[in-house]
Protein backbone atom coordinates (compact mmCIF):
# COMPACT_ATOMS: atom_id res chain seq x y z
CA MET A 1 0.00 0.16 -0.05
CA LYS A 2 1.76 3.37 -0.93
CA VAL A 3 2.41 5.95 2.04
CA ASN A 4 0.05 9.15 1.74
CA ASP A 5 1.14 11.93 0.08
CA PHE A 6 0.67 14.02 3.94
CA TYR A 7 3.15 11.43 5.23
CA LYS A 8 5.84 11.58 3.05
CA ASN A 9 6.26 15.29 3.16
CA ILE A 10 6.58 14.66 6.99
CA TYR A 11 9.13 11.86 6.93
CA SER A 12 12.22 11.44 4.93
CA THR A 13 12.34 9.15 2.14
CA SER A 14 15.15 6.45 3.98
CA SER A 15 12.49 6.53 7.21
CA ILE A 16 9.56 5.88 4.70
CA LYS A 17 11.28 2.55 3.25
CA ALA A 18 12.17 1.42 6.32
CA LEU A 19 9.09 1.30 7.58
CA GLU A 20 7.43 0.12 4.49
CA SER A 21 10.50 -2.77 4.26
CA LYS A 22 9.40 -3.54 7.76
CA PHE A 23 5.26 -3.84 7.07
CA ASN A 24 6.33 -6.25 4.22
CA TYR A 25 7.96 -8.70 6.86
CA LEU A 26 5.00 -8.30 8.36
CA SER A 27 3.45 -10.19 5.12
CA TYR A 28 -0.49 -11.26 5.48
CA ASP A 29 0.18 -11.06 9.47
CA LYS A 30 -0.71 -7.24 9.88
CA LYS A 31 -3.88 -5.62 11.14
CA ILE A 32 -3.06 -2.24 10.38
CA ASN A 33 -1.65 -0.70 7.17
CA ILE A 34 0.99 1.47 7.00
CA ASN A 35 -0.93 5.08 6.33
CA GLU A 36 -3.33 3.82 9.68
CA PHE A 37 0.10 3.11 12.06
CA LEU A 38 1.78 6.37 11.19
CA THR A 39 -2.18 8.29 11.88
CA VAL A 40 -2.54 6.32 15.20
CA ARG A 41 0.98 6.87 16.45
CA ILE A 42 0.90 11.06 15.74
CA ILE A 43 -2.43 11.04 17.23
CA LEU A 44 -1.04 8.84 20.67
CA SER A 45 1.99 10.99 20.73
CA LEU A 46 0.19 14.18 20.43
CA LEU A 47 -2.42 13.17 23.36
CA ILE A 48 0.98 12.25 25.40
CA PHE A 49 2.26 15.69 24.95
CA ILE A 50 -0.75 17.76 25.78
CA VAL A 51 -1.71 15.28 28.67
CA SER A 52 2.04 15.53 29.85
CA ILE A 53 2.09 19.19 29.82
CA TYR A 54 -1.60 19.64 31.72
CA TYR A 55 -1.23 17.04 34.43
CA PHE A 56 3.38 17.37 35.38
CA ASN A 57 4.19 20.05 37.37
CA SER A 58 7.62 20.16 34.92
CA GLY A 59 5.26 18.93 32.35
CA TYR A 60 7.09 21.36 29.46
CA PHE A 61 10.47 19.15 30.53
CA ILE A 62 8.77 15.62 31.08
CA ALA A 63 6.35 16.01 27.72
CA PRO A 64 9.30 15.86 24.94
CA ILE A 65 10.90 13.08 26.82
CA LEU A 66 7.75 10.93 27.14
CA THR A 67 6.51 11.39 23.94
CA PHE A 68 10.01 10.86 22.30
CA LEU A 69 10.31 7.75 24.08
CA PHE A 70 6.39 6.27 23.19
CA TYR A 71 7.14 7.14 19.50
CA ILE A 72 10.22 5.07 19.66
CA PHE A 73 8.56 1.73 21.46
CA PHE A 74 5.65 2.30 20.09
CA GLU A 75 7.18 1.05 16.42
CA TYR A 76 9.11 -1.24 18.81
CA ILE A 77 6.00 -2.88 20.18
CA CYS A 78 3.90 -2.89 17.27
CA ILE A 79 6.15 -3.68 14.79
CA ASP A 80 9.30 -4.93 15.61
CA VAL A 81 8.83 -7.57 18.15
CA LYS A 82 6.09 -9.20 15.57
CA ILE A 83 9.07 -9.43 13.07
CA LYS A 84 11.30 -10.78 15.85
CA LYS A 85 8.59 -13.58 16.46
CA ARG A 86 7.98 -14.03 12.87
CA ALA A 87 11.58 -14.87 11.94
CA ARG A 88 11.78 -17.02 14.90
CA LYS A 89 8.67 -19.17 13.31
CA LEU A 90 9.36 -18.98 9.95
CA GLU A 91 13.19 -20.35 10.87
CA SER A 92 11.36 -22.91 12.52
CA ASP A 93 9.49 -24.33 9.21
CA ALA A 94 12.26 -23.53 7.18
CA ILE A 95 14.11 -26.66 8.20
CA PHE A 96 11.31 -28.89 7.27
CA PHE A 97 9.92 -27.14 4.64
CA PHE A 98 13.10 -27.39 2.60
CA GLU A 99 13.97 -30.91 3.51
CA VAL A 100 10.96 -32.04 1.41
CA LEU A 101 11.60 -29.64 -1.12
CA ASN A 102 14.97 -31.29 -1.43
CA LEU A 103 13.14 -34.96 -1.35
CA THR A 104 10.78 -33.37 -4.06
CA ILE A 105 13.85 -31.90 -6.36
CA GLN A 106 15.13 -35.55 -6.13
CA SER A 107 12.37 -37.33 -7.97
CA GLU A 108 11.13 -34.16 -10.17
CA ARG A 109 13.57 -31.38 -11.97
CA ASN A 110 11.43 -28.95 -12.45
CA LEU A 111 11.90 -26.40 -9.43
CA LYS A 112 8.40 -24.53 -9.76
CA LEU A 113 6.44 -27.49 -9.65
CA CYS A 114 8.36 -29.03 -6.73
CA ILE A 115 7.75 -25.61 -5.12
CA SER A 116 3.85 -26.12 -5.70
CA ILE A 117 3.87 -30.05 -4.73
CA THR A 118 5.76 -28.50 -1.58
CA SER A 119 4.16 -25.85 -0.45
CA LYS A 120 0.49 -27.80 -0.86
CA SER A 121 1.69 -30.84 0.68
CA ILE A 122 2.71 -28.25 4.05
CA ASP A 123 0.43 -26.25 6.30
CA SER A 124 2.79 -23.67 7.68
CA ASP A 125 3.57 -19.95 7.22
CA LEU A 126 6.51 -20.58 5.03
CA SER A 127 4.48 -22.52 2.88
CA THR A 128 1.85 -19.89 2.38
CA GLU A 129 4.54 -17.51 1.46
CA PHE A 130 5.78 -19.78 -1.27
CA LYS A 131 1.87 -20.63 -2.08
CA ARG A 132 1.78 -16.43 -2.68
CA MET A 133 4.78 -16.44 -4.65
CA LEU A 134 3.47 -19.13 -7.14
CA ASP A 135 0.03 -16.98 -7.32
CA GLU A 136 2.14 -14.09 -8.60
CA VAL A 137 4.21 -16.01 -11.01
CA GLY A 138 1.05 -17.33 -12.26
CA TYR A 139 0.29 -13.50 -12.96
CA GLY A 140 3.11 -13.45 -15.42
CA LYS A 141 6.58 -12.74 -13.30
CA SER A 142 9.25 -15.06 -13.53
CA LEU A 143 10.15 -17.67 -10.95
CA THR A 144 13.17 -15.60 -10.29
CA GLU A 145 11.59 -12.54 -9.79
CA GLY A 146 8.84 -14.14 -7.64
CA LEU A 147 11.64 -15.78 -5.36
CA ARG A 148 13.06 -12.12 -5.09
CA ASP A 149 9.83 -10.45 -4.19
CA LEU A 150 9.42 -13.27 -1.85
CA MET A 151 12.88 -12.52 0.33
CA LYS A 152 11.21 -9.03 0.68
CA ARG A 153 8.57 -10.48 2.83
CA ILE A 154 11.03 -13.06 5.02
CA PRO A 155 12.40 -11.31 7.68
CA SER A 156 15.02 -14.55 8.50
CA LYS A 157 18.18 -13.84 7.13
CA SER A 158 18.62 -17.54 7.20
CA VAL A 159 15.58 -18.38 5.42
CA CYS A 160 16.62 -15.46 2.78
CA ASN A 161 20.19 -16.72 2.32
CA VAL A 162 18.57 -20.54 1.49
CA ILE A 163 16.01 -18.59 -1.33
CA LEU A 164 18.86 -16.78 -2.81
CA ASN A 165 20.58 -19.94 -2.94
CA ILE A 166 18.05 -21.74 -4.66
CA ILE A 167 17.70 -18.48 -7.15
CA GLU A 168 21.51 -18.65 -8.11
CA ALA A 169 21.59 -22.65 -8.43
CA ASN A 170 18.60 -22.40 -10.54
CA GLU A 171 20.22 -20.09 -12.60
CA PHE A 172 23.56 -20.83 -12.88
CA GLY A 173 22.31 -24.62 -13.56
CA ASN A 174 23.94 -25.85 -10.33
CA SER A 175 22.93 -28.58 -8.09
CA ILE A 176 19.87 -27.27 -6.34
CA GLU A 177 20.05 -30.54 -4.38
CA GLY A 178 23.65 -29.55 -2.98
CA ALA A 179 22.99 -26.12 -2.13
CA LEU A 180 19.67 -26.92 -0.35
CA THR A 181 21.59 -29.78 1.93
CA ASN A 182 24.13 -27.41 2.81
CA GLN A 183 21.50 -24.83 4.02
CA ILE A 184 19.37 -27.16 5.64
CA ASN A 185 22.45 -28.37 7.80
CA TYR A 186 23.38 -24.54 8.68
CA LEU A 187 19.84 -24.25 9.65
CA THR A 188 19.54 -27.23 11.76
CA ASP A 189 22.93 -26.40 13.66
CA LYS A 190 21.50 -22.78 14.01
CA ARG A 191 18.20 -23.86 15.11
CA ILE A 192 20.16 -26.54 17.67
CA LEU A 193 22.43 -23.57 19.13
CA ASP A 194 19.53 -21.71 19.69
CA ILE A 195 17.85 -24.12 21.83
CA LYS A 196 21.59 -24.24 23.43
CA GLU A 197 21.11 -20.57 24.18
CA SER A 198 17.29 -20.95 25.51
CA ILE A 199 18.31 -23.34 28.22
CA ASN A 200 21.25 -21.66 28.94
CA LYS A 201 18.90 -18.73 30.02
CA MET A 202 17.05 -20.51 31.66
CA PRO A 203 18.91 -20.03 35.58
CA MET A 204 19.33 -16.79 35.20
CA LYS A 205 15.24 -16.53 34.71
CA ILE A 206 14.72 -18.87 37.34
CA SER A 207 17.20 -17.25 39.88
CA ILE A 208 15.70 -13.26 39.28
CA VAL A 209 11.56 -15.16 39.04
CA SER A 210 12.47 -16.98 42.78
CA VAL A 211 14.13 -13.95 43.94
CA LEU A 212 11.16 -11.82 43.37
CA LEU A 213 8.79 -14.21 44.70
CA PHE A 214 10.78 -14.89 48.00
CA LEU A 215 11.85 -11.63 48.99
CA PRO A 216 8.69 -10.03 49.62
CA LEU A 217 8.37 -13.76 51.99
CA MET A 218 11.65 -13.13 53.89
CA MET A 219 11.11 -9.49 54.13
CA LEU A 220 7.58 -10.42 55.86
CA LEU A 221 9.61 -13.26 57.90
CA ILE A 222 12.18 -10.80 59.29
CA LEU A 223 10.03 -7.29 59.68
CA GLY A 224 7.00 -8.91 61.05
CA PRO A 225 7.51 -9.73 64.51
CA ILE A 226 9.04 -6.00 64.76
CA PHE A 227 5.65 -4.71 63.26
CA ILE A 228 3.47 -6.54 65.80
CA ASN A 229 5.67 -5.80 68.52
CA TYR A 230 4.95 -2.28 67.73
CA ILE A 231 1.46 -2.67 67.06
CA LEU A 232 1.39 -4.45 70.62
CA LYS A 233 3.18 -1.61 72.62
């Protein structure tokens, strides 16, 4: 969707392009379009600025800070967090999807047909994106153009690297099976490392939760008798 001319006059071209790229990464998983997002962010920023000036004694000092923080974190929470979540989901889908695609290519040399068979056989976010790509190819795009446009909707660099390897192998006549095998091994290793990293972080998270849970109890046990004696006196 094109950005409204009003916002093009407010924001720099680079800012608009960066935001458009982020909305492309959300693909079909977006509740609002870019114009609605910009409108909501500006309106809420103005409201926060006005309310801060009205309610705080040092409003003229606090209002710009609160408005700036909201302006930054609004984009992070509404867009960046979703993009990161979607990237992890696509990486999780990618290993199985590309393994099936690799097996399909071994029996059928037509890449477009192999992608079609694989995407119809698997129900995942990644297969949905490939189905969308095939629809675009059906409307007149070449397979290479479709795959390159697909990369613009994929927020994961790892998955994009696999697609890029498929494009290059298909264009230069190299072995797609070999390229896919190497990339699948890389994705698998990356997945294992991510799981190990999550496991290593668990004790720290448990420790923090334990402290937050037991600290009030400890304070109650220590200070409770003191308060009781004070009340009885």
